[in-house]
Amino acid sequence: MQPIYYPGFTIGGGVGEGLGILGTLALLLMTPTKSPEFAWTLIGFAALLAMHAVYWIMTHPVNSFWLKDQDLRGLGAGFFTFGSTKHDPLAEPDPDELWRRLRNRWEYSHVVRAVLAAVALLALIVAVAM
């Protein structure tokens, strides 16, 4: 499943998230700075940037580690080898513990990203509704 899912995510999720950040930046630049809408838009933009940073700091290294032995091609191969770790799981005293730590990091990173996405969405809804 991973060789099918992850390359598709690279295109759909990666491009969509990047366009969302750029669109929010454009909205921020067009909003008068002294207005309450600006503050809400800035909160939304900051939350989207933080969400993106969480991916690169917490999620991407785990994805790269888990996919290092997969036969990925095209954009997926380039994307998931970027910043990949050369960690050797056999060097771990307990491979099961390593797996648990990586799984927890991956899961918690998605929870943090979901909360940040919700903050961004709510802030942008408030900004546009004003």
Protein backbone atom coordinates (compact mmCIF):
# COMPACT_ATOMS: atom_id res chain seq x y z
CA MET A 1 0.00 0.00 0.00
CA GLN A 2 2.77 2.45 0.82
CA PRO A 3 4.27 2.52 -2.71
CA ILE A 4 0.81 3.53 -3.98
CA TYR A 5 -0.26 5.91 -1.20
CA TYR A 6 2.87 7.96 -0.60
CA PRO A 7 3.65 9.05 -4.19
CA GLY A 8 0.03 10.18 -4.57
CA PHE A 9 0.25 12.07 -1.30
CA THR A 10 3.38 13.80 -2.55
CA ILE A 11 1.46 15.34 -5.41
CA GLY A 12 -1.99 15.89 -3.88
CA GLY A 13 -1.19 16.70 -0.26
CA GLY A 14 2.13 18.42 -0.81
CA VAL A 15 0.95 20.66 -3.63
CA GLY A 16 -2.36 21.41 -1.91
CA GLU A 17 -0.71 22.36 1.36
CA GLY A 18 1.81 24.58 -0.41
CA LEU A 19 -0.92 26.32 -2.41
CA GLY A 20 -2.93 26.83 0.78
CA ILE A 21 0.00 28.57 2.43
CA LEU A 22 0.60 30.74 -0.65
CA GLY A 23 -3.09 31.61 -0.91
CA THR A 24 -3.22 32.57 2.75
CA LEU A 25 -0.09 34.69 2.33
CA ALA A 26 -1.74 36.48 -0.60
CA LEU A 27 -4.84 37.09 1.53
CA LEU A 28 -2.65 38.38 4.36
CA LEU A 29 -0.82 40.79 2.04
CA MET A 30 -4.12 42.16 0.68
CA THR A 31 -5.66 42.69 4.14
CA PRO A 32 -5.20 46.13 5.75
CA THR A 33 -2.73 45.77 8.62
CA LYS A 34 -4.70 47.84 11.12
CA SER A 35 -7.88 45.79 10.74
CA PRO A 36 -9.03 42.94 13.00
CA GLU A 37 -9.19 40.76 9.89
CA PHE A 38 -5.43 41.09 9.54
CA ALA A 39 -4.81 39.63 12.99
CA TRP A 40 -7.09 36.66 12.29
CA THR A 41 -5.50 36.09 8.89
CA LEU A 42 -2.04 36.28 10.46
CA ILE A 43 -3.06 33.66 13.04
CA GLY A 44 -4.31 31.41 10.24
CA PHE A 45 -1.12 31.91 8.23
CA ALA A 46 1.10 31.24 11.26
CA ALA A 47 -0.85 28.07 12.07
CA LEU A 48 -0.44 26.81 8.49
CA LEU A 49 3.31 27.53 8.61
CA ALA A 50 3.59 25.76 11.96
CA MET A 51 1.64 22.80 10.58
CA HIS A 52 4.08 22.60 7.67
CA ALA A 53 7.08 22.85 10.00
CA VAL A 54 5.73 20.02 12.17
CA TYR A 55 5.61 17.84 9.08
CA TRP A 56 9.25 18.48 8.15
CA ILE A 57 10.56 18.24 11.73
CA MET A 58 8.48 15.37 13.14
CA THR A 59 6.68 13.42 10.41
CA HIS A 60 8.97 13.45 7.38
CA PRO A 61 11.99 11.83 9.09
CA VAL A 62 9.79 8.94 10.24
CA ASN A 63 8.23 8.54 6.78
CA SER A 64 11.69 8.56 5.20
CA PHE A 65 12.93 5.94 7.65
CA TRP A 66 9.93 3.68 7.13
CA LEU A 67 10.10 3.99 3.34
CA LYS A 68 13.87 3.60 2.92
CA ASP A 69 13.51 0.00 1.69
CA GLN A 70 10.46 0.63 -0.52
CA ASP A 71 10.79 0.78 -4.28
CA LEU A 72 9.44 4.30 -4.84
CA ARG A 73 9.73 6.02 -8.20
CA GLY A 74 9.39 9.52 -9.58
CA LEU A 75 8.38 12.37 -7.31
CA GLY A 76 7.72 10.06 -4.37
CA ALA A 77 11.26 8.68 -4.47
CA GLY A 78 12.81 12.14 -4.50
CA PHE A 79 10.48 13.51 -1.87
CA PHE A 80 10.85 10.72 0.66
CA THR A 81 14.61 10.40 0.32
CA PHE A 82 15.02 14.13 1.01
CA GLY A 83 16.45 14.48 4.50
CA SER A 84 16.21 10.75 5.11
CA THR A 85 17.92 9.34 8.14
CA LYS A 86 20.57 6.69 7.88
CA HIS A 87 19.59 5.26 11.27
CA ASP A 88 20.25 1.55 11.54
CA PRO A 89 17.42 -0.19 13.43
CA LEU A 90 19.70 -3.14 14.12
CA ALA A 91 21.90 -0.84 16.18
CA GLU A 92 18.99 -0.30 18.57
CA PRO A 93 19.02 -2.49 21.66
CA ASP A 94 15.31 -3.14 21.22
CA PRO A 95 13.86 -2.88 17.66
CA ASP A 96 10.32 -3.10 19.06
CA GLU A 97 10.97 -0.05 21.23
CA LEU A 98 12.33 1.84 18.22
CA TRP A 99 9.19 0.96 16.26
CA ARG A 100 6.97 2.15 19.14
CA ARG A 101 8.87 5.44 19.42
CA LEU A 102 8.66 6.07 15.68
CA ARG A 103 4.98 5.16 15.55
CA ASN A 104 4.19 7.45 18.50
CA ARG A 105 6.15 10.30 16.96
CA TRP A 106 4.28 9.83 13.68
CA GLU A 107 0.88 9.67 15.39
CA TYR A 108 1.48 12.66 17.69
CA SER A 109 2.78 14.73 14.79
CA HIS A 110 -0.50 14.13 12.97
CA VAL A 111 -2.50 15.15 16.04
CA VAL A 112 -0.49 18.37 16.31
CA ARG A 113 -0.95 19.04 12.58
CA ALA A 114 -4.72 18.45 12.86
CA VAL A 115 -5.01 20.91 15.75
CA LEU A 116 -2.98 23.51 13.85
CA ALA A 117 -5.10 22.97 10.73
CA ALA A 118 -8.27 23.48 12.80
CA VAL A 119 -6.85 26.69 14.30
CA ALA A 120 -5.93 27.93 10.82
CA LEU A 121 -9.36 27.10 9.42
CA LEU A 122 -11.25 28.76 12.28
CA ALA A 123 -9.04 31.86 12.17
CA LEU A 124 -9.51 32.22 8.43
CA ILE A 125 -13.27 31.69 8.70
CA VAL A 126 -13.44 34.47 11.31
CA ALA A 127 -11.24 36.75 9.16
CA VAL A 128 -13.34 36.25 6.04
CA ALA A 129 -16.65 36.52 7.93
CA MET A 130 -15.68 39.92 9.41
